[in-house]
Amino acid sequence: MIAELPFLVLRVLSVLASVWIGVRGFRRLQAGSPRGIAWILGSILGFAFVGLSTLAAKTTRERFAPFRLRDEIVGFSALGTGVIFLLVVLAAFLPVILDILERRGFSSYVGARHVRATKSGFLTVISVLSMAGVAVSSCALCSVTSIMGGFGADLKRKILGNNAHIVVDVTQPGGYGDWEEKLDGIRLAVAPKGGAATPVVAGDAMGSSASNTAGALVRGIDTNTIAQVIDLKQNIEVGNFDWLDDPDKLADLPADTIIGRGPGGEPYFKGPDLRASADLDPAVKAALRKDVKVLPGVIIGKELAKSLHVLVGDEITLLSPMGELGPMGVMPRTRRFRVAAIFYSGMYEYDATHAYIKLDVAQSFFSMGDNISQIDVRVPDPERVAEVTPIVEAAAAKFDMGAGKEPLRVRDWVEMNKNLFSALKLEKIATFIILSIAIAVASFCIVCTLLLMVTEKGKEIAILKALGASDGAIMRIFMLEGVIIGGIGTVFGVGTAFAACSGLARFGVRLDPDVYYIDRLPVNVNGSDYAMVAVAALIICTIATLYPARAASRLSPVDGLRYE
C-alpha cells in the first residue's frame, strides 16, 4: 500500500491538471481562440493516462508470466499518453511563469516580452528550435544516465544478493580451524549493526553428468544461517532448499513435482514413477527401490544445469582437485550428488559456475577436516559497509591463529569489486561529458538567436539607452532572454526524460532473457542525476548568452538610430 501511494498521488494530480486544462480550453473556445481545441485534447489525454495507467498497474510483472500483447500495448499507451500529457501541462504553465517574470522588474519584463513576441516569425522559429535542441540534448542525457544507472544498480543488487558483504578468510590454502569461536565473536560484533554471519567452505571442482562436464565453484554452506547472508533461498527456481537437509525425498519425488523449466518458463513435471506401477511385480518393485541410492543433495545454477543437461532429482558427479593416493598414483576425489534444486540469480557468471552443498559434506569432499574457508558477513545497508568493516577487523584481530600462521583477513564488497564499479563509474562520467557536449552544441542556437535579435532590435536598444537604460540593464535583458530559452528547453527535456524513464521503470520493457539474461530493461530514476543535468544545461546556456548580451550592451544609441 505504501509503495502505491506515489502512484495514487500522481493520478490525483493528473485528474486535477486535466480538469484545469479542460476549463482553460473551454474558456479559450468561448473567447474565439482556436487554441482551446488543443487544450481540450490535452485534457482528454490526461484522463486517458489515468485510465490506462490504472489498467497497466493491475497487470502482473512476474518473471514467468506469459507474454500478453494486450498488457504490453496498455503499458506503452499509458507511457505515451503520460509523456504527451506532461508536455501539455508544462506548456500550460509556461504563460503563467512568463507573467510572473514580467512583474519582477524592467529587465525581466523586457526579456520575457521578447520571448513571447511573435511579430518576427523567423526569430520565433529559431527560438523554438533552440528550445527543442536543448530539450532533446538534456532528455537524451537524462535517459542514457537512467538506463546506465539501471544496469549498474541491477548488477550491484545481484552481486550483493549472491555474495557476502564482508568476507573473513586467510590467504593460505586449507582454511582455518576453531571457527566456531571466531564465528560467535564476529556475530556478536556485527549484531548491534543488524548484521549476520555464516561459515562457508569453498573450492573448485569439475561437475559431470551422463552427457556433459562443466567446471563449478562448490560452496559448502550452513543451511540454517545461509539465508541470512545471501539470497539463495529466494533464488530457487525449481526444487526445494529443504531437500538439501533431507536427501531421502529426492530419491522418491511425487509425479507432480516440477523438476525444470523450459525456455519460455513452462514447467517440466517428473511424471509417474514406473516403480510404483500396479502392474509391476512386488519383487521387481522392491529390487528397483533398492537400486536407488540416497545421495547428498546439491543446489546448482540454472546455466550449470543446462550445461550438464540435468533436472531436479538427477545425479551428477563432482571431481575435486584434492586427489587421493591410489594404486595408479594420485586420483581425483569423486563423489556423487543428487540435484536438490536449481537457482536463478540473474547473473550468468554465478548461474553457470556455482553449486551449493552442506557444510560437513564439503569439508569431507575437499579433505579440510573441521576447517572452513571463510566466514561470510552481511550488513543491512551495503552502502555503509565501511562503518562495519573496522568492527569486524577489530573482532578478527582478537583471535590467535597460532605460531607461524597469518592473521585473519577482512575484505568488504567494495574492495573485492573495486575494478568493476570503478569502470562503471568512469563510463558514467565519460557518457555525461560526451552528452553534455550535445547540450553545448544546442546552445549555439541560443547564441545565433540572440545575435539575430540584437541585430533586429537595434533601434529598440538605442531607444532604451536614450531613455536612460544602462549597459548592464541591456546585458541583463538579453542574458535573461537566453536563460529563459535554455530554461524552457531544459525543463521540457528533463521533464520528458523523467516521465519516460519513470514509466519504463514501472511498466517495464520486455527483453529476451536468452540474449540479455534479464527479462526487463532496468531503469534507475535518480533525482540527483536529473538535477545535475538540469544545472549543467542551465550553466551552459547561461555562458552561451554572454557574448550576444555583451554585444547588445555595447551598441551605441547613435549607431542604432543613424538610418531611422
Protein backbone atom coordinates (compact mmCIF):
# COMPACT_ATOMS: atom_id res chain seq x y z
CA MET A 1 0.00 0.00 0.00
CA ILE A 2 2.83 2.40 0.84
CA ALA A 3 4.55 1.63 -2.46
CA GLU A 4 1.33 2.51 -4.34
CA LEU A 5 0.95 5.88 -2.57
CA PRO A 6 3.14 7.94 -5.00
CA PHE A 7 1.28 6.43 -7.95
CA LEU A 8 -2.07 7.31 -6.35
CA VAL A 9 -0.92 10.89 -5.75
CA LEU A 10 0.22 11.09 -9.40
CA ARG A 11 -3.21 10.02 -10.65
CA VAL A 12 -4.96 12.55 -8.40
CA LEU A 13 -2.68 15.35 -9.64
CA SER A 14 -3.25 14.24 -13.23
CA VAL A 15 -7.02 14.44 -12.77
CA LEU A 16 -6.75 17.95 -11.26
CA ALA A 17 -4.43 19.11 -14.06
CA SER A 18 -6.77 17.64 -16.69
CA VAL A 19 -9.74 19.49 -15.23
CA TRP A 20 -7.76 22.76 -15.10
CA ILE A 21 -6.58 22.41 -18.71
CA GLY A 22 -10.07 21.45 -19.88
CA VAL A 23 -11.64 24.52 -18.21
CA ARG A 24 -8.96 26.70 -19.76
CA GLY A 25 -9.68 25.18 -23.17
CA PHE A 26 -13.42 25.87 -22.94
CA ARG A 27 -12.73 29.48 -21.95
CA ARG A 28 -10.44 29.87 -24.96
CA LEU A 29 -13.16 28.48 -27.24
CA GLN A 30 -15.71 30.86 -25.80
CA ALA A 31 -13.28 33.71 -26.47
CA GLY A 32 -13.00 32.57 -30.08
CA SER A 33 -9.43 31.23 -29.88
CA PRO A 34 -8.81 28.01 -31.86
CA ARG A 35 -6.10 27.05 -29.35
CA GLY A 36 -8.86 25.97 -27.00
CA ILE A 37 -9.22 22.78 -29.04
CA ALA A 38 -5.59 21.86 -28.29
CA TRP A 39 -6.14 22.38 -24.55
CA ILE A 40 -9.29 20.22 -24.60
CA LEU A 41 -7.40 17.45 -26.40
CA GLY A 42 -4.68 17.73 -23.76
CA SER A 43 -7.32 17.33 -21.04
CA ILE A 44 -8.63 14.19 -22.75
CA LEU A 45 -5.07 12.83 -22.86
CA GLY A 46 -4.79 13.37 -19.11
CA PHE A 47 -7.92 11.34 -18.37
CA ALA A 48 -6.73 8.67 -20.82
CA PHE A 49 -3.41 8.47 -18.98
CA VAL A 50 -5.18 7.98 -15.63
CA GLY A 51 -7.31 5.17 -17.04
CA LEU A 52 -4.51 3.41 -18.93
CA SER A 53 -2.06 3.66 -16.03
CA THR A 54 -4.67 2.15 -13.70
CA LEU A 55 -5.13 -0.78 -16.09
CA ALA A 56 -1.36 -1.19 -16.53
CA ALA A 57 -0.83 -1.27 -12.76
CA LYS A 58 -3.11 -4.31 -12.50
CA THR A 59 -1.06 -6.42 -14.91
CA THR A 60 1.35 -8.98 -13.48
CA ARG A 61 5.08 -8.46 -13.97
CA GLU A 62 6.26 -11.82 -12.68
CA ARG A 63 9.23 -13.45 -14.31
CA PHE A 64 7.36 -16.50 -15.60
CA ALA A 65 4.23 -14.59 -16.60
CA PRO A 66 3.33 -15.38 -20.23
CA PHE A 67 3.69 -12.72 -22.89
CA ARG A 68 0.41 -10.90 -23.44
CA LEU A 69 0.27 -8.38 -26.26
CA ARG A 70 -2.66 -6.57 -24.64
CA ASP A 71 -0.65 -5.85 -21.48
CA GLU A 72 2.28 -4.52 -23.50
CA ILE A 73 0.02 -2.28 -25.57
CA VAL A 74 -1.68 -0.92 -22.44
CA GLY A 75 1.68 -0.26 -20.76
CA PHE A 76 3.20 1.60 -23.70
CA SER A 77 -0.05 3.50 -24.30
CA ALA A 78 0.00 4.66 -20.68
CA LEU A 79 3.63 5.69 -21.09
CA GLY A 80 2.99 7.59 -24.32
CA THR A 81 -0.10 9.43 -23.09
CA GLY A 82 1.66 10.29 -19.84
CA VAL A 83 4.65 11.86 -21.60
CA ILE A 84 2.48 13.86 -24.01
CA PHE A 85 0.20 14.98 -21.19
CA LEU A 86 3.21 16.20 -19.20
CA LEU A 87 4.33 18.30 -22.18
CA VAL A 88 0.82 19.77 -22.38
CA VAL A 89 0.89 20.62 -18.66
CA LEU A 90 4.30 22.28 -18.98
CA ALA A 91 3.10 24.25 -21.99
CA ALA A 92 0.04 25.36 -19.98
CA PHE A 93 2.21 26.58 -17.12
CA LEU A 94 4.63 28.44 -19.42
CA PRO A 95 2.48 31.59 -19.84
CA VAL A 96 1.93 31.69 -16.09
CA ILE A 97 5.68 31.67 -15.45
CA LEU A 98 6.28 34.38 -18.07
CA ASP A 99 3.58 36.51 -16.42
CA ILE A 100 5.39 36.20 -13.11
CA LEU A 101 8.68 37.23 -14.74
CA GLU A 102 7.10 40.27 -16.33
CA ARG A 103 6.08 41.56 -12.91
CA ARG A 104 9.53 41.30 -11.37
CA GLY A 105 11.27 44.33 -12.92
CA PHE A 106 12.38 46.17 -16.02
CA SER A 107 14.98 43.69 -17.32
CA SER A 108 12.84 40.61 -16.70
CA TYR A 109 9.80 42.33 -18.24
CA VAL A 110 11.57 43.19 -21.48
CA GLY A 111 13.29 39.79 -21.68
CA ALA A 112 10.03 37.87 -21.16
CA ARG A 113 8.24 40.05 -23.72
CA HIS A 114 10.99 39.33 -26.26
CA VAL A 115 10.50 35.58 -25.75
CA ARG A 116 6.73 35.97 -26.17
CA ALA A 117 7.00 38.18 -29.25
CA THR A 118 5.66 36.55 -32.42
CA LYS A 119 5.96 39.55 -34.75
CA SER A 120 9.17 38.24 -36.30
CA GLY A 121 8.30 34.73 -37.47
CA PHE A 122 11.89 33.87 -38.38
CA LEU A 123 13.19 34.62 -34.88
CA THR A 124 10.28 32.73 -33.34
CA VAL A 125 11.16 29.63 -35.35
CA ILE A 126 14.83 29.88 -34.34
CA SER A 127 13.85 30.35 -30.68
CA VAL A 128 11.65 27.25 -30.82
CA LEU A 129 14.47 25.28 -32.47
CA SER A 130 16.86 26.47 -29.75
CA MET A 131 14.46 25.24 -27.06
CA ALA A 132 14.00 21.94 -28.90
CA GLY A 133 17.76 21.44 -29.22
CA VAL A 134 18.36 21.95 -25.51
CA ALA A 135 15.33 19.78 -24.68
CA VAL A 136 16.42 16.87 -26.90
CA SER A 137 20.02 17.01 -25.61
CA SER A 138 19.06 17.13 -21.93
CA CYS A 139 16.41 14.43 -22.45
CA ALA A 140 18.98 12.16 -24.11
CA LEU A 141 21.50 12.76 -21.32
CA CYS A 142 18.95 12.00 -18.58
CA SER A 143 17.64 8.90 -20.37
CA VAL A 144 21.08 7.43 -21.00
CA THR A 145 22.10 8.16 -17.40
CA SER A 146 18.97 6.41 -16.10
CA ILE A 147 19.44 3.33 -18.25
CA MET A 148 23.15 3.05 -17.43
CA GLY A 149 22.34 3.60 -13.78
CA GLY A 150 19.67 0.91 -14.03
CA PHE A 151 22.12 -1.64 -15.39
CA GLY A 152 24.67 -0.64 -12.73
CA ALA A 153 22.11 -0.85 -9.92
CA ASP A 154 20.84 -4.20 -11.21
CA LEU A 155 24.40 -5.54 -11.36
CA LYS A 156 25.14 -4.26 -7.84
CA ARG A 157 21.92 -5.78 -6.49
CA LYS A 158 22.75 -9.18 -7.95
CA ILE A 159 26.35 -9.09 -6.71
CA LEU A 160 25.30 -8.10 -3.20
CA GLY A 161 22.46 -10.60 -3.20
CA ASN A 162 24.65 -13.56 -4.16
CA ASN A 163 27.82 -12.68 -2.25
CA ALA A 164 28.70 -11.71 1.28
CA HIS A 165 29.18 -8.04 2.04
CA ILE A 166 32.23 -8.80 4.19
CA VAL A 167 34.47 -11.89 3.95
CA VAL A 168 36.76 -13.10 6.75
CA ASP A 169 39.32 -15.57 5.39
CA VAL A 170 43.03 -16.39 5.11
CA THR A 171 45.27 -16.41 2.05
CA GLN A 172 46.84 -19.81 2.73
CA PRO A 173 45.08 -22.91 1.34
CA GLY A 174 43.29 -25.25 3.66
CA GLY A 175 41.29 -22.60 5.55
CA TYR A 176 41.41 -22.33 9.33
CA GLY A 177 40.09 -24.25 12.31
CA ASP A 178 38.41 -23.40 15.62
CA TRP A 179 35.95 -21.44 13.56
CA GLU A 180 33.01 -21.78 15.96
CA GLU A 181 34.64 -19.38 18.42
CA LYS A 182 35.57 -16.96 15.66
CA LEU A 183 32.08 -17.13 14.18
CA ASP A 184 30.46 -16.37 17.54
CA GLY A 185 32.84 -13.43 18.09
CA ILE A 186 32.07 -11.92 14.68
CA ARG A 187 28.33 -12.41 15.19
CA LEU A 188 28.49 -10.57 18.50
CA ALA A 189 30.46 -7.77 16.86
CA VAL A 190 28.01 -7.20 13.97
CA ALA A 191 24.80 -7.91 15.91
CA PRO A 192 24.38 -4.27 17.14
CA LYS A 193 24.53 -3.16 13.48
CA GLY A 194 21.94 -5.76 12.45
CA GLY A 195 24.46 -7.97 10.66
CA ALA A 196 24.59 -11.75 10.30
CA ALA A 197 27.37 -14.28 9.65
CA THR A 198 27.67 -17.85 8.37
CA PRO A 199 30.56 -20.31 7.81
CA VAL A 200 31.46 -21.33 4.26
CA VAL A 201 33.73 -23.92 2.66
CA ALA A 202 34.69 -23.00 -0.91
CA GLY A 203 36.60 -24.93 -3.53
CA ASP A 204 36.84 -25.65 -7.25
CA ALA A 205 35.54 -28.85 -8.76
CA MET A 206 34.55 -30.41 -12.05
CA GLY A 207 30.91 -31.41 -12.44
CA SER A 208 29.92 -34.23 -14.76
CA SER A 209 26.68 -35.89 -15.75
CA ALA A 210 25.80 -38.69 -18.10
CA SER A 211 26.14 -36.37 -21.10
CA ASN A 212 28.49 -33.48 -20.31
CA THR A 213 31.03 -31.90 -17.97
CA ALA A 214 31.50 -28.35 -16.68
CA GLY A 215 33.64 -26.50 -14.13
CA ALA A 216 31.99 -25.49 -10.87
CA LEU A 217 32.71 -23.40 -7.79
CA VAL A 218 31.42 -25.54 -4.94
CA ARG A 219 30.44 -23.85 -1.70
CA GLY A 220 29.64 -25.73 1.48
CA ILE A 221 27.00 -23.86 3.45
CA ASP A 222 25.25 -23.96 6.81
CA THR A 223 21.63 -24.45 5.79
CA ASN A 224 20.35 -22.81 8.99
CA THR A 225 22.12 -19.46 8.53
CA ILE A 226 22.93 -19.11 4.82
CA ALA A 227 19.60 -17.39 4.10
CA GLN A 228 20.60 -14.58 6.48
CA VAL A 229 23.66 -13.76 4.34
CA ILE A 230 22.81 -14.44 0.66
CA ASP A 231 19.58 -14.72 -1.33
CA LEU A 232 19.97 -18.38 -2.22
CA LYS A 233 16.55 -19.41 -0.88
CA GLN A 234 14.75 -16.61 -2.73
CA ASN A 235 16.55 -17.51 -5.97
CA ILE A 236 15.39 -21.13 -6.05
CA GLU A 237 13.62 -21.59 -9.38
CA VAL A 238 12.73 -25.30 -9.17
CA GLY A 239 13.23 -27.84 -6.44
CA ASN A 240 13.31 -27.22 -2.72
CA PHE A 241 16.04 -25.80 -0.50
CA ASP A 242 14.97 -28.09 2.35
CA TRP A 243 15.82 -31.17 0.29
CA LEU A 244 19.46 -30.30 0.91
CA ASP A 245 18.88 -31.37 4.55
CA ASP A 246 16.53 -34.21 3.62
CA PRO A 247 18.03 -36.02 0.60
CA ASP A 248 15.76 -39.05 1.17
CA LYS A 249 12.89 -37.21 -0.53
CA LEU A 250 14.97 -36.75 -3.68
CA ALA A 251 15.02 -40.49 -4.27
CA ASP A 252 11.21 -40.68 -4.42
CA LEU A 253 9.73 -37.44 -5.75
CA PRO A 254 5.96 -37.20 -6.41
CA ALA A 255 4.77 -37.29 -10.01
CA ASP A 256 3.53 -33.68 -9.95
CA THR A 257 6.88 -32.24 -8.80
CA ILE A 258 8.29 -29.52 -11.06
CA ILE A 259 11.85 -30.61 -11.89
CA GLY A 260 12.74 -27.99 -14.50
CA ARG A 261 11.54 -25.22 -16.77
CA GLY A 262 11.67 -24.70 -20.50
CA PRO A 263 12.97 -21.67 -22.40
CA GLY A 264 9.62 -19.89 -22.03
CA GLY A 265 9.21 -20.75 -18.36
CA GLU A 266 6.95 -23.73 -18.99
CA PRO A 267 7.24 -26.29 -16.16
CA TYR A 268 8.59 -29.82 -16.58
CA PHE A 269 6.98 -32.38 -14.28
CA LYS A 270 8.61 -35.55 -13.04
CA GLY A 271 5.76 -37.75 -14.19
CA PRO A 272 4.69 -41.18 -12.95
CA ASP A 273 7.28 -43.49 -11.41
CA LEU A 274 7.48 -46.92 -13.01
CA ARG A 275 8.50 -48.38 -9.67
CA ALA A 276 5.06 -47.52 -8.28
CA SER A 277 3.15 -49.13 -11.15
CA ALA A 278 0.42 -51.52 -10.01
CA ASP A 279 1.24 -53.94 -12.85
CA LEU A 280 4.83 -54.35 -11.67
CA ASP A 281 5.75 -57.46 -9.70
CA PRO A 282 6.31 -56.63 -6.00
CA ALA A 283 9.69 -58.34 -6.00
CA VAL A 284 10.84 -56.36 -9.02
CA LYS A 285 9.43 -53.17 -7.45
CA ALA A 286 11.41 -53.79 -4.24
CA ALA A 287 14.57 -54.52 -6.21
CA LEU A 288 14.20 -51.28 -8.16
CA ARG A 289 13.78 -49.30 -4.95
CA LYS A 290 16.97 -50.84 -3.55
CA ASP A 291 18.89 -49.69 -6.60
CA VAL A 292 18.02 -46.05 -5.85
CA LYS A 293 20.70 -44.78 -3.50
CA VAL A 294 20.25 -41.86 -1.15
CA LEU A 295 22.87 -39.33 -2.24
CA PRO A 296 23.69 -35.95 -0.69
CA GLY A 297 21.89 -33.04 -2.31
CA VAL A 298 23.40 -30.22 -4.33
CA ILE A 299 21.89 -26.91 -5.48
CA ILE A 300 23.23 -25.75 -8.83
CA GLY A 301 22.75 -22.71 -11.06
CA LYS A 302 20.37 -22.64 -13.98
CA GLU A 303 23.10 -22.39 -16.62
CA LEU A 304 25.17 -25.10 -14.96
CA ALA A 305 22.14 -27.39 -15.01
CA LYS A 306 21.64 -26.54 -18.68
CA SER A 307 25.30 -27.35 -19.44
CA LEU A 308 25.11 -30.69 -17.62
CA HIS A 309 21.63 -31.46 -19.05
CA VAL A 310 20.21 -32.34 -15.63
CA LEU A 311 16.97 -31.64 -13.79
CA VAL A 312 15.94 -31.87 -10.14
CA GLY A 313 16.43 -35.44 -8.91
CA ASP A 314 19.14 -36.30 -11.47
CA GLU A 315 22.59 -37.47 -10.42
CA ILE A 316 25.82 -35.57 -11.04
CA THR A 317 29.40 -36.33 -10.08
CA LEU A 318 31.78 -33.76 -8.62
CA LEU A 319 35.53 -34.23 -9.02
CA SER A 320 37.76 -32.46 -6.53
CA PRO A 321 41.34 -31.43 -7.39
CA MET A 322 42.34 -32.69 -3.93
CA GLY A 323 43.24 -36.21 -5.02
CA GLU A 324 43.56 -39.47 -3.16
CA LEU A 325 46.56 -41.77 -3.39
CA GLY A 326 45.60 -44.99 -5.15
CA PRO A 327 47.28 -47.92 -6.89
CA MET A 328 47.72 -45.88 -10.06
CA GLY A 329 49.01 -42.79 -8.25
CA VAL A 330 47.11 -39.70 -7.20
CA MET A 331 43.49 -39.97 -8.33
CA PRO A 332 40.92 -37.13 -8.20
CA ARG A 333 38.42 -37.41 -5.41
CA THR A 334 34.92 -38.04 -6.79
CA ARG A 335 31.53 -38.08 -5.16
CA ARG A 336 28.02 -38.46 -6.50
CA PHE A 337 25.27 -35.98 -5.67
CA ARG A 338 21.61 -35.59 -6.48
CA VAL A 339 20.26 -32.23 -7.68
CA ALA A 340 18.02 -30.87 -4.93
CA ALA A 341 17.20 -27.51 -6.53
CA ILE A 342 18.14 -25.18 -9.38
CA PHE A 343 18.56 -21.47 -8.67
CA TYR A 344 18.44 -18.40 -10.88
CA SER A 345 20.44 -15.44 -9.60
CA GLY A 346 20.18 -13.25 -12.70
CA MET A 347 23.96 -13.26 -13.28
CA TYR A 348 25.30 -15.67 -15.85
CA GLU A 349 28.68 -15.98 -14.12
CA TYR A 350 27.02 -17.28 -10.94
CA ASP A 351 24.37 -19.44 -12.59
CA ALA A 352 26.97 -21.15 -14.79
CA THR A 353 29.51 -21.97 -12.06
CA HIS A 354 28.07 -22.06 -8.54
CA ALA A 355 27.00 -25.20 -6.72
CA TYR A 356 25.98 -25.42 -3.04
CA ILE A 357 26.25 -28.44 -0.76
CA LYS A 358 26.09 -28.92 3.00
CA LEU A 359 28.99 -27.70 5.10
CA ASP A 360 30.04 -31.08 6.53
CA VAL A 361 29.81 -32.72 3.09
CA ALA A 362 32.07 -30.02 1.62
CA GLN A 363 34.62 -30.42 4.43
CA SER A 364 34.82 -34.14 3.69
CA PHE A 365 34.83 -33.63 -0.09
CA PHE A 366 37.72 -31.13 -0.03
CA SER A 367 39.63 -33.00 2.74
CA MET A 368 39.53 -29.98 5.05
CA GLY A 369 38.72 -31.85 8.26
CA ASP A 370 36.98 -29.41 10.62
CA ASN A 371 38.34 -26.30 8.86
CA ILE A 372 36.34 -23.75 6.89
CA SER A 373 37.43 -21.44 4.08
CA GLN A 374 35.80 -18.21 5.24
CA ILE A 375 33.11 -16.52 7.30
CA ASP A 376 30.61 -14.54 5.26
CA VAL A 377 29.01 -11.46 6.82
CA ARG A 378 26.00 -9.47 5.67
CA VAL A 379 25.04 -5.97 6.81
CA PRO A 380 21.63 -4.29 6.47
CA ASP A 381 22.93 -1.34 4.41
CA PRO A 382 25.67 -2.36 1.96
CA GLU A 383 26.35 1.28 1.07
CA ARG A 384 27.50 1.87 4.67
CA VAL A 385 29.65 -1.24 4.87
CA ALA A 386 32.70 0.94 5.62
CA GLU A 387 31.23 1.58 9.08
CA VAL A 388 31.02 -2.15 9.87
CA THR A 389 34.31 -3.31 8.34
CA PRO A 390 36.51 -1.82 11.14
CA ILE A 391 34.29 -3.53 13.72
CA VAL A 392 34.79 -6.90 12.02
CA GLU A 393 38.54 -6.25 11.69
CA ALA A 394 38.79 -5.49 15.40
CA ALA A 395 36.89 -8.69 16.25
CA ALA A 396 39.06 -10.78 13.89
CA ALA A 397 42.28 -9.32 15.32
CA LYS A 398 41.46 -10.71 18.77
CA PHE A 399 41.81 -14.34 17.68
CA ASP A 400 45.19 -16.05 17.98
CA MET A 401 45.80 -18.08 14.83
CA GLY A 402 48.86 -19.86 16.28
CA ALA A 403 52.57 -19.65 15.69
CA GLY A 404 53.64 -19.19 12.08
CA LYS A 405 50.11 -18.61 10.81
CA GLU A 406 48.87 -15.44 9.26
CA PRO A 407 46.05 -13.45 10.88
CA LEU A 408 42.52 -13.38 9.54
CA ARG A 409 41.96 -11.18 6.51
CA VAL A 410 38.85 -8.97 6.30
CA ARG A 411 37.58 -7.63 2.96
CA ASP A 412 34.31 -5.91 2.08
CA TRP A 413 32.42 -5.95 -1.21
CA VAL A 414 33.73 -2.52 -2.20
CA GLU A 415 37.31 -3.75 -2.05
CA MET A 416 36.58 -7.05 -3.77
CA ASN A 417 34.69 -5.41 -6.67
CA LYS A 418 36.71 -2.20 -6.86
CA ASN A 419 37.74 -2.60 -10.52
CA LEU A 420 34.23 -3.39 -11.73
CA PHE A 421 32.46 -0.49 -10.05
CA SER A 422 35.30 1.91 -10.86
CA ALA A 423 34.86 1.04 -14.53
CA LEU A 424 31.10 1.60 -14.31
CA LYS A 425 31.63 4.96 -12.62
CA LEU A 426 34.20 6.04 -15.22
CA GLU A 427 31.84 5.01 -18.02
CA LYS A 428 29.03 7.06 -16.48
CA ILE A 429 31.25 10.14 -16.14
CA ALA A 430 32.50 9.80 -19.72
CA THR A 431 28.95 9.48 -21.02
CA PHE A 432 27.88 12.55 -19.05
CA ILE A 433 30.73 14.61 -20.51
CA ILE A 434 30.12 13.44 -24.09
CA LEU A 435 26.39 14.13 -23.98
CA SER A 436 26.99 17.48 -22.27
CA ILE A 437 28.80 18.47 -25.46
CA ALA A 438 25.49 17.90 -27.26
CA ILE A 439 23.90 20.47 -24.92
CA ALA A 440 26.76 22.85 -25.72
CA VAL A 441 26.08 22.37 -29.44
CA ALA A 442 22.39 23.08 -28.85
CA SER A 443 23.34 26.25 -27.01
CA PHE A 444 24.90 27.57 -30.23
CA CYS A 445 21.35 28.05 -31.48
CA ILE A 446 20.75 30.33 -28.50
CA VAL A 447 23.82 32.37 -29.48
CA CYS A 448 22.53 32.71 -33.04
CA THR A 449 19.04 33.62 -31.83
CA LEU A 450 20.33 36.36 -29.56
CA LEU A 451 22.71 37.76 -32.16
CA LEU A 452 19.92 37.97 -34.72
CA MET A 453 17.67 39.55 -32.12
CA VAL A 454 20.35 42.14 -31.29
CA THR A 455 20.56 42.97 -34.99
CA GLU A 456 16.78 43.20 -35.40
CA LYS A 457 16.17 45.08 -32.15
CA GLY A 458 18.99 47.61 -32.69
CA LYS A 459 16.56 50.52 -32.90
CA GLU A 460 14.72 49.44 -29.74
CA ILE A 461 18.01 49.03 -27.87
CA ALA A 462 19.09 52.52 -28.94
CA ILE A 463 15.76 53.98 -27.77
CA LEU A 464 16.06 52.23 -24.38
CA LYS A 465 19.58 53.59 -23.98
CA ALA A 466 18.46 57.07 -25.00
CA LEU A 467 15.77 56.86 -22.32
CA GLY A 468 18.41 56.07 -19.69
CA ALA A 469 18.84 52.26 -19.70
CA SER A 470 22.37 51.33 -18.65
CA ASP A 471 24.67 48.89 -20.40
CA GLY A 472 24.21 46.47 -17.52
CA ALA A 473 20.41 46.59 -17.88
CA ILE A 474 20.62 45.81 -21.61
CA MET A 475 23.05 42.98 -20.92
CA ARG A 476 20.73 41.54 -18.26
CA ILE A 477 17.78 41.68 -20.67
CA PHE A 478 19.46 39.54 -23.31
CA MET A 479 21.09 37.22 -20.80
CA LEU A 480 17.70 36.66 -19.19
CA GLU A 481 16.16 36.03 -22.58
CA GLY A 482 18.75 33.36 -23.34
CA VAL A 483 18.35 31.83 -19.89
CA ILE A 484 14.57 31.68 -20.39
CA ILE A 485 15.01 29.91 -23.73
CA GLY A 486 17.53 27.47 -22.23
CA GLY A 487 15.43 27.01 -19.10
CA ILE A 488 12.31 26.17 -21.10
CA GLY A 489 14.25 23.63 -23.13
CA THR A 490 15.84 22.15 -20.00
CA VAL A 491 12.53 21.81 -18.17
CA PHE A 492 10.86 20.19 -21.16
CA GLY A 493 13.81 17.85 -21.77
CA VAL A 494 14.38 16.80 -18.17
CA GLY A 495 10.64 16.52 -17.55
CA THR A 496 10.15 14.34 -20.62
CA ALA A 497 13.05 12.08 -19.62
CA PHE A 498 11.75 11.83 -16.06
CA ALA A 499 8.25 10.86 -17.21
CA ALA A 500 9.51 8.39 -19.82
CA CYS A 501 12.08 6.72 -17.56
CA SER A 502 9.67 6.56 -14.62
CA GLY A 503 7.13 4.88 -16.88
CA LEU A 504 9.72 2.45 -18.21
CA ALA A 505 10.81 1.63 -14.66
CA ARG A 506 7.23 0.94 -13.62
CA PHE A 507 5.73 -0.74 -16.69
CA GLY A 508 8.98 -2.24 -17.99
CA VAL A 509 10.31 -3.11 -21.41
CA ARG A 510 10.38 -6.83 -22.07
CA LEU A 511 13.76 -8.18 -23.21
CA ASP A 512 14.79 -11.60 -24.44
CA PRO A 513 16.40 -13.30 -21.40
CA ASP A 514 18.31 -15.68 -23.67
CA VAL A 515 20.17 -12.69 -25.13
CA TYR A 516 20.38 -10.16 -22.28
CA TYR A 517 19.90 -12.57 -19.31
CA ILE A 518 17.32 -10.15 -17.89
CA ASP A 519 13.62 -10.14 -18.72
CA ARG A 520 13.04 -6.40 -18.23
CA LEU A 521 15.04 -3.29 -19.09
CA PRO A 522 16.46 -1.96 -15.80
CA VAL A 523 15.91 1.79 -15.36
CA ASN A 524 17.05 3.75 -12.33
CA VAL A 525 15.49 7.20 -11.92
CA ASN A 526 17.90 9.12 -9.69
CA GLY A 527 16.80 12.61 -8.74
CA SER A 528 20.35 13.81 -8.10
CA ASP A 529 21.41 12.82 -11.64
CA TYR A 530 18.49 14.70 -13.14
CA ALA A 531 19.24 17.76 -11.02
CA MET A 532 22.87 17.63 -12.13
CA VAL A 533 21.83 17.50 -15.80
CA ALA A 534 19.45 20.44 -15.32
CA VAL A 535 22.11 22.53 -13.58
CA ALA A 536 24.70 21.69 -16.23
CA ALA A 537 22.29 22.61 -19.05
CA LEU A 538 21.41 25.94 -17.41
CA ILE A 539 25.08 26.78 -16.82
CA ILE A 540 25.96 26.00 -20.45
CA CYS A 541 23.02 28.07 -21.73
CA THR A 542 23.92 30.96 -19.42
CA ILE A 543 27.51 31.01 -20.66
CA ALA A 544 26.24 31.00 -24.24
CA THR A 545 24.35 34.25 -23.61
CA LEU A 546 27.41 36.24 -22.51
CA TYR A 547 28.75 37.25 -25.93
CA PRO A 548 25.42 38.31 -27.54
CA ALA A 549 24.37 40.15 -24.38
CA ARG A 550 27.67 41.99 -24.25
CA ALA A 551 27.34 42.89 -27.94
CA ALA A 552 23.88 44.31 -27.23
CA SER A 553 25.10 46.33 -24.26
CA ARG A 554 27.92 47.91 -26.30
CA LEU A 555 25.58 49.09 -29.05
CA SER A 556 25.68 52.92 -29.32
CA PRO A 557 22.34 54.80 -29.47
CA VAL A 558 23.73 56.89 -32.34
CA ASP A 559 24.53 53.79 -34.40
CA GLY A 560 21.12 52.28 -33.68
CA LEU A 561 19.19 55.38 -34.80
CA ARG A 562 21.51 56.62 -37.57
CA TYR A 563 19.45 55.34 -40.50
CA GLU A 564 15.99 55.88 -38.94
